């Protein structure tokens, strides 16, 4: 059963990519590959004006699979995640993430690459990796671009969850809707905005508006990923934090 369902809407002007991987829509390697493939196919429709990233269930996603953060699997996992992030960031059609419940870790990093973020009132964003003895390399490359250096450092270093209102206050969330009307609210917004515009002109606008965001992004992702793999992963505490989470116990830090 596929983890990503593509659903055209608004007479082909909008494409919903809906995540469905119970429980928590964890971003496994399979889910990320499916989502990247669906994104690659989306721009082939000349009438398409918006791609939405949505999720079934109470939560958008608990994040990337922690089990894939072990030393044996972390390199291919980060490579897949970075490819997906770059696919979202460089999509020629605007991409909007519709977030309800928790949106954490790698899933939040993918959302950071979107053009629009719409949040339900119960949405909670965050990069809690520091609690596991690691850090979020993609967020290190993306967060300052989206919310500024001060917020980026607080969110990465403290590992706290951010409310929908805070996300809206710092400019990450475009709009906040009641939890039971997130899709309806976005549909109404789309119908009187992007849905009325030229699909061709939108793509030209995306290319021009995204140029500063994309400038240097590949190098920033590569640098942060290199620091993670070469410097952090070999440490005791990085491995201990991941193993403690998998084994459901408290980590025993050595501070090394």
C-alpha atoms as a PDB file:
ATOM      1  CA  UNK A   1       0.000   0.000   0.000  1.00  0.00           C
ATOM      2  CA  UNK A   2       1.500   3.386  -0.984  1.00  0.00           C
ATOM      3  CA  UNK A   3       2.267   5.924   1.724  1.00  0.00           C
ATOM      4  CA  UNK A   4       1.546   8.943  -0.516  1.00  0.00           C
ATOM      5  CA  UNK A   5      -1.715   9.448  -2.406  1.00  0.00           C
ATOM      6  CA  UNK A   6      -1.943  11.987  -5.233  1.00  0.00           C
ATOM      7  CA  UNK A   7      -5.371  13.592  -5.529  1.00  0.00           C
ATOM      8  CA  UNK A   8      -6.095  16.280  -8.164  1.00  0.00           C
ATOM      9  CA  UNK A   9      -8.621  18.946  -7.150  1.00  0.00           C
ATOM     10  CA  UNK A  10     -10.048  22.294  -8.255  1.00  0.00           C
ATOM     11  CA  UNK A  11     -10.350  21.088 -11.871  1.00  0.00           C
ATOM     12  CA  UNK A  12      -6.683  20.175 -12.035  1.00  0.00           C
ATOM     13  CA  UNK A  13      -5.434  23.485 -10.642  1.00  0.00           C
ATOM     14  CA  UNK A  14      -4.400  21.919  -7.322  1.00  0.00           C
ATOM     15  CA  UNK A  15      -2.726  18.601  -6.534  1.00  0.00           C
ATOM     16  CA  UNK A  16      -2.964  17.130  -3.051  1.00  0.00           C
ATOM     17  CA  UNK A  17      -0.147  14.830  -1.960  1.00  0.00           C
ATOM     18  CA  UNK A  18      -1.563  13.104   1.087  1.00  0.00           C
ATOM     19  CA  UNK A  19       0.654  11.199   3.526  1.00  0.00           C
ATOM     20  CA  UNK A  20      -0.824   8.086   5.100  1.00  0.00           C
ATOM     21  CA  UNK A  21       1.608   5.996   7.120  1.00  0.00           C
ATOM     22  CA  UNK A  22       0.051   5.112  10.459  1.00  0.00           C
ATOM     23  CA  UNK A  23       0.997   5.758  13.179  1.00  0.00           C
ATOM     24  CA  UNK A  24       2.280   9.319  12.983  1.00  0.00           C
ATOM     25  CA  UNK A  25       3.184   9.462   9.255  1.00  0.00           C
ATOM     26  CA  UNK A  26       6.838   8.822  10.066  1.00  0.00           C
ATOM     27  CA  UNK A  27       9.125   9.859   7.215  1.00  0.00           C
ATOM     28  CA  UNK A  28      10.664   6.485   6.417  1.00  0.00           C
ATOM     29  CA  UNK A  29      12.896   6.011   3.396  1.00  0.00           C
ATOM     30  CA  UNK A  30       9.965   4.560   1.460  1.00  0.00           C
ATOM     31  CA  UNK A  31       7.665   7.478   2.220  1.00  0.00           C
ATOM     32  CA  UNK A  32      10.323  10.029   1.276  1.00  0.00           C
ATOM     33  CA  UNK A  33      11.010   8.254  -2.018  1.00  0.00           C
ATOM     34  CA  UNK A  34       7.298   8.195  -2.877  1.00  0.00           C
ATOM     35  CA  UNK A  35       6.877  11.869  -2.040  1.00  0.00           C
ATOM     36  CA  UNK A  36       9.931  12.860  -4.088  1.00  0.00           C
ATOM     37  CA  UNK A  37       8.603  10.899  -7.072  1.00  0.00           C
ATOM     38  CA  UNK A  38       5.157  12.482  -6.812  1.00  0.00           C
ATOM     39  CA  UNK A  39       6.700  15.959  -6.660  1.00  0.00           C
ATOM     40  CA  UNK A  40       8.795  15.262  -9.736  1.00  0.00           C
ATOM     41  CA  UNK A  41       5.706  14.366 -11.746  1.00  0.00           C
ATOM     42  CA  UNK A  42       3.500  17.231 -10.556  1.00  0.00           C
ATOM     43  CA  UNK A  43       4.835  20.080 -12.776  1.00  0.00           C
ATOM     44  CA  UNK A  44       4.025  18.117 -15.958  1.00  0.00           C
ATOM     45  CA  UNK A  45       0.480  19.484 -15.759  1.00  0.00           C
ATOM     46  CA  UNK A  46       0.439  22.964 -17.382  1.00  0.00           C
ATOM     47  CA  UNK A  47      -2.687  24.012 -15.460  1.00  0.00           C
ATOM     48  CA  UNK A  48      -1.291  23.196 -12.012  1.00  0.00           C
ATOM     49  CA  UNK A  49      -1.108  26.195  -9.657  1.00  0.00           C
ATOM     50  CA  UNK A  50      -0.462  24.605  -6.251  1.00  0.00           C
ATOM     51  CA  UNK A  51       0.762  21.366  -4.710  1.00  0.00           C
ATOM     52  CA  UNK A  52      -0.327  20.704  -1.141  1.00  0.00           C
ATOM     53  CA  UNK A  53       1.422  18.424   1.327  1.00  0.00           C
ATOM     54  CA  UNK A  54      -1.238  17.016   3.632  1.00  0.00           C
ATOM     55  CA  UNK A  55      -1.504  14.108   6.048  1.00  0.00           C
ATOM     56  CA  UNK A  56      -4.123  11.701   7.284  1.00  0.00           C
ATOM     57  CA  UNK A  57      -4.662  11.329  11.016  1.00  0.00           C
ATOM     58  CA  UNK A  58      -4.238  13.621  13.979  1.00  0.00           C
ATOM     59  CA  UNK A  59      -0.623  14.561  13.214  1.00  0.00           C
ATOM     60  CA  UNK A  60       1.211  15.734  10.128  1.00  0.00           C
ATOM     61  CA  UNK A  61       4.291  13.695  11.047  1.00  0.00           C
ATOM     62  CA  UNK A  62       6.384  12.675  14.038  1.00  0.00           C
ATOM     63  CA  UNK A  63       9.476  13.121  11.824  1.00  0.00           C
ATOM     64  CA  UNK A  64      12.065  10.907  10.179  1.00  0.00           C
ATOM     65  CA  UNK A  65      12.364   7.338  11.423  1.00  0.00           C
ATOM     66  CA  UNK A  66      14.680   7.401  14.444  1.00  0.00           C
ATOM     67  CA  UNK A  67      15.741   3.832  13.675  1.00  0.00           C
ATOM     68  CA  UNK A  68      17.285   5.132  10.430  1.00  0.00           C
ATOM     69  CA  UNK A  69      19.550   7.513  12.405  1.00  0.00           C
ATOM     70  CA  UNK A  70      21.902   4.713  13.500  1.00  0.00           C
ATOM     71  CA  UNK A  71      25.480   4.789  12.232  1.00  0.00           C
ATOM     72  CA  UNK A  72      24.743   2.048   9.715  1.00  0.00           C
ATOM     73  CA  UNK A  73      21.766   3.850   8.143  1.00  0.00           C
ATOM     74  CA  UNK A  74      22.199   7.559   8.761  1.00  0.00           C
ATOM     75  CA  UNK A  75      24.099   8.456   5.579  1.00  0.00           C
ATOM     76  CA  UNK A  76      21.548   7.088   3.077  1.00  0.00           C
ATOM     77  CA  UNK A  77      18.723   8.462   5.252  1.00  0.00           C
ATOM     78  CA  UNK A  78      20.164  11.986   5.189  1.00  0.00           C
ATOM     79  CA  UNK A  79      20.809  11.733   1.463  1.00  0.00           C
ATOM     80  CA  UNK A  80      17.160  10.809   0.846  1.00  0.00           C
ATOM     81  CA  UNK A  81      15.948  13.584   3.135  1.00  0.00           C
ATOM     82  CA  UNK A  82      18.145  16.197   1.462  1.00  0.00           C
ATOM     83  CA  UNK A  83      16.956  15.128  -2.000  1.00  0.00           C
ATOM     84  CA  UNK A  84      13.347  15.489  -0.887  1.00  0.00           C
ATOM     85  CA  UNK A  85      14.001  18.892   0.680  1.00  0.00           C
ATOM     86  CA  UNK A  86      15.651  20.118  -2.506  1.00  0.00           C
ATOM     87  CA  UNK A  87      12.766  18.750  -4.586  1.00  0.00           C
ATOM     88  CA  UNK A  88      10.287  20.780  -2.503  1.00  0.00           C
ATOM     89  CA  UNK A  89      12.481  23.877  -2.421  1.00  0.00           C
ATOM     90  CA  UNK A  90      13.076  23.868  -6.183  1.00  0.00           C
ATOM     91  CA  UNK A  91       9.588  22.824  -7.280  1.00  0.00           C
ATOM     92  CA  UNK A  92       8.523  25.162 -10.125  1.00  0.00           C
ATOM     93  CA  UNK A  93       4.935  25.101  -8.814  1.00  0.00           C
ATOM     94  CA  UNK A  94       4.173  26.599  -5.388  1.00  0.00           C
ATOM     95  CA  UNK A  95       4.075  24.020  -2.602  1.00  0.00           C
ATOM     96  CA  UNK A  96       1.924  24.498   0.508  1.00  0.00           C
ATOM     97  CA  UNK A  97       2.157  22.374   3.648  1.00  0.00           C
ATOM     98  CA  UNK A  98      -1.069  21.910   5.623  1.00  0.00           C
ATOM     99  CA  UNK A  99      -0.035  21.029   9.161  1.00  0.00           C
ATOM    100  CA  UNK A 100      -2.163  19.640  11.957  1.00  0.00           C
ATOM    101  CA  UNK A 101      -0.895  18.208  15.227  1.00  0.00           C
ATOM    102  CA  UNK A 102       2.797  17.467  15.499  1.00  0.00           C
ATOM    103  CA  UNK A 103       5.221  18.310  12.708  1.00  0.00           C
ATOM    104  CA  UNK A 104       8.661  17.378  13.965  1.00  0.00           C
ATOM    105  CA  UNK A 105      12.221  16.628  12.929  1.00  0.00           C
ATOM    106  CA  UNK A 106      12.754  15.632   9.315  1.00  0.00           C
ATOM    107  CA  UNK A 107       9.119  16.288   8.428  1.00  0.00           C
ATOM    108  CA  UNK A 108       9.442  19.847   9.745  1.00  0.00           C
ATOM    109  CA  UNK A 109      12.611  20.262   7.678  1.00  0.00           C
ATOM    110  CA  UNK A 110      10.661  19.298   4.550  1.00  0.00           C
ATOM    111  CA  UNK A 111       7.911  21.755   5.481  1.00  0.00           C
ATOM    112  CA  UNK A 112      10.532  24.495   5.855  1.00  0.00           C
ATOM    113  CA  UNK A 113      11.282  24.109   2.144  1.00  0.00           C
ATOM    114  CA  UNK A 114       7.661  24.784   1.140  1.00  0.00           C
ATOM    115  CA  UNK A 115       6.483  28.121  -0.255  1.00  0.00           C
ATOM    116  CA  UNK A 116       3.484  28.326   2.090  1.00  0.00           C
ATOM    117  CA  UNK A 117       2.713  26.814   5.490  1.00  0.00           C
ATOM    118  CA  UNK A 118      -0.868  26.704   6.747  1.00  0.00           C
ATOM    119  CA  UNK A 119      -1.324  25.572  10.323  1.00  0.00           C
ATOM    120  CA  UNK A 120      -4.216  24.216  12.321  1.00  0.00           C
ATOM    121  CA  UNK A 121      -4.578  25.816  15.729  1.00  0.00           C
ATOM    122  CA  UNK A 122      -3.321  22.591  17.309  1.00  0.00           C
ATOM    123  CA  UNK A 123      -0.177  22.417  15.165  1.00  0.00           C
ATOM    124  CA  UNK A 124       3.151  21.993  16.950  1.00  0.00           C
ATOM    125  CA  UNK A 125       6.424  22.440  15.073  1.00  0.00           C
ATOM    126  CA  UNK A 126       9.884  21.520  16.259  1.00  0.00           C
ATOM    127  CA  UNK A 127      13.301  19.979  15.805  1.00  0.00           C
ATOM    128  CA  UNK A 128      13.742  17.951  19.017  1.00  0.00           C
ATOM    129  CA  UNK A 129      16.887  16.147  17.824  1.00  0.00           C
ATOM    130  CA  UNK A 130      19.089  17.697  20.529  1.00  0.00           C
ATOM    131  CA  UNK A 131      17.129  15.673  23.086  1.00  0.00           C
ATOM    132  CA  UNK A 132      18.462  12.548  21.341  1.00  0.00           C
ATOM    133  CA  UNK A 133      22.048  13.775  21.411  1.00  0.00           C
ATOM    134  CA  UNK A 134      22.080  14.870  17.761  1.00  0.00           C
ATOM    135  CA  UNK A 135      21.109  17.962  15.759  1.00  0.00           C
ATOM    136  CA  UNK A 136      18.979  18.591  12.635  1.00  0.00           C
ATOM    137  CA  UNK A 137      21.390  19.329   9.766  1.00  0.00           C
ATOM    138  CA  UNK A 138      18.766  20.412   7.239  1.00  0.00           C
ATOM    139  CA  UNK A 139      17.150  22.758   9.755  1.00  0.00           C
ATOM    140  CA  UNK A 140      20.579  24.328  10.305  1.00  0.00           C
ATOM    141  CA  UNK A 141      20.575  25.178   6.592  1.00  0.00           C
ATOM    142  CA  UNK A 142      16.904  26.171   6.323  1.00  0.00           C
ATOM    143  CA  UNK A 143      15.592  27.707   9.527  1.00  0.00           C
ATOM    144  CA  UNK A 144      17.533  30.965   9.458  1.00  0.00           C
ATOM    145  CA  UNK A 145      16.382  31.469   5.863  1.00  0.00           C
ATOM    146  CA  UNK A 146      12.756  31.192   6.987  1.00  0.00           C
ATOM    147  CA  UNK A 147      12.555  32.696  10.478  1.00  0.00           C
ATOM    148  CA  UNK A 148      15.866  34.479  11.106  1.00  0.00           C
ATOM    149  CA  UNK A 149      19.010  33.505  12.988  1.00  0.00           C
ATOM    150  CA  UNK A 150      17.747  34.179  16.526  1.00  0.00           C
ATOM    151  CA  UNK A 151      14.664  31.981  16.221  1.00  0.00           C
ATOM    152  CA  UNK A 152      16.631  29.320  14.354  1.00  0.00           C
ATOM    153  CA  UNK A 153      19.188  29.020  17.137  1.00  0.00           C
ATOM    154  CA  UNK A 154      16.542  28.898  19.872  1.00  0.00           C
ATOM    155  CA  UNK A 155      14.541  26.202  18.125  1.00  0.00           C
ATOM    156  CA  UNK A 156      17.575  24.043  17.269  1.00  0.00           C
ATOM    157  CA  UNK A 157      19.423  24.362  20.578  1.00  0.00           C
ATOM    158  CA  UNK A 158      16.450  24.142  22.952  1.00  0.00           C
ATOM    159  CA  UNK A 159      14.539  21.489  21.023  1.00  0.00           C
ATOM    160  CA  UNK A 160      11.230  23.029  22.086  1.00  0.00           C
ATOM    161  CA  UNK A 161       7.957  22.624  20.237  1.00  0.00           C
ATOM    162  CA  UNK A 162       6.586  25.784  18.610  1.00  0.00           C
ATOM    163  CA  UNK A 163       2.874  26.580  18.611  1.00  0.00           C
ATOM    164  CA  UNK A 164       0.895  27.565  15.539  1.00  0.00           C
ATOM    165  CA  UNK A 165       0.573  31.102  16.897  1.00  0.00           C
ATOM    166  CA  UNK A 166       4.345  31.411  17.363  1.00  0.00           C
ATOM    167  CA  UNK A 167       4.932  30.031  13.865  1.00  0.00           C
ATOM    168  CA  UNK A 168       2.547  32.663  12.520  1.00  0.00           C
ATOM    169  CA  UNK A 169       4.147  35.431  14.574  1.00  0.00           C
ATOM    170  CA  UNK A 170       7.613  34.800  13.125  1.00  0.00           C
ATOM    171  CA  UNK A 171       6.274  34.499   9.596  1.00  0.00           C
ATOM    172  CA  UNK A 172       6.617  30.749   9.116  1.00  0.00           C
ATOM    173  CA  UNK A 173       2.878  30.026   9.004  1.00  0.00           C
ATOM    174  CA  UNK A 174       0.962  32.052   6.422  1.00  0.00           C
ATOM    175  CA  UNK A 175      -2.381  31.548   8.161  1.00  0.00           C
ATOM    176  CA  UNK A 176      -3.785  29.618  11.118  1.00  0.00           C
ATOM    177  CA  UNK A 177      -7.170  27.894  10.925  1.00  0.00           C
ATOM    178  CA  UNK A 178      -9.355  25.982  13.392  1.00  0.00           C
ATOM    179  CA  UNK A 179      -8.282  22.344  13.541  1.00  0.00           C
ATOM    180  CA  UNK A 180     -11.521  21.105  11.971  1.00  0.00           C
ATOM    181  CA  UNK A 181     -11.392  23.469   8.989  1.00  0.00           C
ATOM    182  CA  UNK A 182      -7.767  23.527   7.873  1.00  0.00           C
ATOM    183  CA  UNK A 183      -8.381  22.118   4.401  1.00  0.00           C
ATOM    184  CA  UNK A 184     -11.539  24.163   3.916  1.00  0.00           C
ATOM    185  CA  UNK A 185      -9.731  27.337   4.914  1.00  0.00           C
ATOM    186  CA  UNK A 186      -6.891  26.679   2.480  1.00  0.00           C
ATOM    187  CA  UNK A 187      -9.345  25.799  -0.300  1.00  0.00           C
ATOM    188  CA  UNK A 188     -11.161  29.096   0.206  1.00  0.00           C
ATOM    189  CA  UNK A 189      -7.857  30.990   0.200  1.00  0.00           C
ATOM    190  CA  UNK A 190      -6.731  29.197  -2.970  1.00  0.00           C
ATOM    191  CA  UNK A 191     -10.014  29.862  -4.774  1.00  0.00           C
ATOM    192  CA  UNK A 192      -9.627  33.644  -4.463  1.00  0.00           C
ATOM    193  CA  UNK A 193      -5.831  33.797  -4.915  1.00  0.00           C
ATOM    194  CA  UNK A 194      -3.595  31.333  -6.771  1.00  0.00           C
ATOM    195  CA  UNK A 195      -6.584  29.571  -8.298  1.00  0.00           C
ATOM    196  CA  UNK A 196      -7.387  32.794 -10.186  1.00  0.00           C
ATOM    197  CA  UNK A 197      -3.877  33.426 -11.484  1.00  0.00           C
ATOM    198  CA  UNK A 198      -2.049  32.335 -14.634  1.00  0.00           C
ATOM    199  CA  UNK A 199      -0.289  29.009 -14.048  1.00  0.00           C
ATOM    200  CA  UNK A 200       2.481  30.067 -16.427  1.00  0.00           C
ATOM    201  CA  UNK A 201       3.019  33.422 -14.715  1.00  0.00           C
ATOM    202  CA  UNK A 202       3.049  31.746 -11.304  1.00  0.00           C
ATOM    203  CA  UNK A 203       5.952  29.528 -12.377  1.00  0.00           C
ATOM    204  CA  UNK A 204       7.931  32.551 -13.551  1.00  0.00           C
ATOM    205  CA  UNK A 205       7.173  34.294 -10.249  1.00  0.00           C
ATOM    206  CA  UNK A 206       8.238  31.225  -8.260  1.00  0.00           C
ATOM    207  CA  UNK A 207      11.551  31.047 -10.111  1.00  0.00           C
ATOM    208  CA  UNK A 208      12.310  34.710  -9.442  1.00  0.00           C
ATOM    209  CA  UNK A 209      11.073  34.801  -5.836  1.00  0.00           C
ATOM    210  CA  UNK A 210      12.861  31.575  -4.900  1.00  0.00           C
ATOM    211  CA  UNK A 211      16.253  32.531  -6.313  1.00  0.00           C
ATOM    212  CA  UNK A 212      17.577  34.096  -3.064  1.00  0.00           C
ATOM    213  CA  UNK A 213      16.280  31.176  -0.989  1.00  0.00           C
ATOM    214  CA  UNK A 214      17.959  28.619  -3.251  1.00  0.00           C
ATOM    215  CA  UNK A 215      21.257  30.520  -3.533  1.00  0.00           C
ATOM    216  CA  UNK A 216      23.823  28.537  -1.595  1.00  0.00           C
ATOM    217  CA  UNK A 217      21.255  26.066  -0.246  1.00  0.00           C
ATOM    218  CA  UNK A 218      23.000  23.010  -1.715  1.00  0.00           C
ATOM    219  CA  UNK A 219      26.286  24.034  -0.101  1.00  0.00           C
ATOM    220  CA  UNK A 220      24.594  24.758   3.239  1.00  0.00           C
ATOM    221  CA  UNK A 221      22.882  21.360   3.273  1.00  0.00           C
ATOM    222  CA  UNK A 222      26.113  19.614   2.328  1.00  0.00           C
ATOM    223  CA  UNK A 223      28.111  21.460   4.989  1.00  0.00           C
ATOM    224  CA  UNK A 224      25.625  20.729   7.788  1.00  0.00           C
ATOM    225  CA  UNK A 225      25.287  17.102   6.730  1.00  0.00           C
ATOM    226  CA  UNK A 226      29.077  16.714   6.628  1.00  0.00           C
ATOM    227  CA  UNK A 227      29.345  18.138  10.150  1.00  0.00           C
ATOM    228  CA  UNK A 228      26.680  15.705  11.332  1.00  0.00           C
ATOM    229  CA  UNK A 229      28.162  12.595   9.724  1.00  0.00           C
ATOM    230  CA  UNK A 230      31.876  13.244  10.202  1.00  0.00           C
ATOM    231  CA  UNK A 231      31.914  15.071  13.536  1.00  0.00           C
ATOM    232  CA  UNK A 232      28.788  14.139  15.489  1.00  0.00           C
ATOM    233  CA  UNK A 233      27.918  10.568  14.493  1.00  0.00           C
ATOM    234  CA  UNK A 234      31.222   9.039  15.740  1.00  0.00           C
ATOM    235  CA  UNK A 235      30.680  10.399  19.266  1.00  0.00           C
ATOM    236  CA  UNK A 236      29.422   8.225  22.105  1.00  0.00           C
ATOM    237  CA  UNK A 237      26.526  10.508  23.019  1.00  0.00           C
ATOM    238  CA  UNK A 238      25.110  10.649  19.475  1.00  0.00           C
ATOM    239  CA  UNK A 239      24.905   6.864  19.311  1.00  0.00           C
ATOM    240  CA  UNK A 240      23.717   6.604  22.923  1.00  0.00           C
ATOM    241  CA  UNK A 241      20.869   9.044  22.390  1.00  0.00           C
ATOM    242  CA  UNK A 242      19.527   7.171  19.361  1.00  0.00           C
ATOM    243  CA  UNK A 243      19.892   3.770  21.030  1.00  0.00           C
ATOM    244  CA  UNK A 244      18.214   5.013  24.210  1.00  0.00           C
ATOM    245  CA  UNK A 245      15.226   6.246  22.212  1.00  0.00           C
ATOM    246  CA  UNK A 246      14.911   2.971  20.303  1.00  0.00           C
ATOM    247  CA  UNK A 247      15.228   0.973  23.545  1.00  0.00           C
ATOM    248  CA  UNK A 248      12.856   3.344  25.386  1.00  0.00           C
ATOM    249  CA  UNK A 249      15.208   4.226  28.207  1.00  0.00           C
ATOM    250  CA  UNK A 250      16.936   7.325  29.533  1.00  0.00           C
ATOM    251  CA  UNK A 251      20.238   8.105  27.800  1.00  0.00           C
ATOM    252  CA  UNK A 252      23.457   7.868  29.784  1.00  0.00           C
ATOM    253  CA  UNK A 253      25.491  10.836  28.541  1.00  0.00           C
ATOM    254  CA  UNK A 254      29.282  10.886  28.760  1.00  0.00           C
ATOM    255  CA  UNK A 255      29.448  14.438  27.407  1.00  0.00           C
ATOM    256  CA  UNK A 256      31.734  13.135  24.682  1.00  0.00           C
END
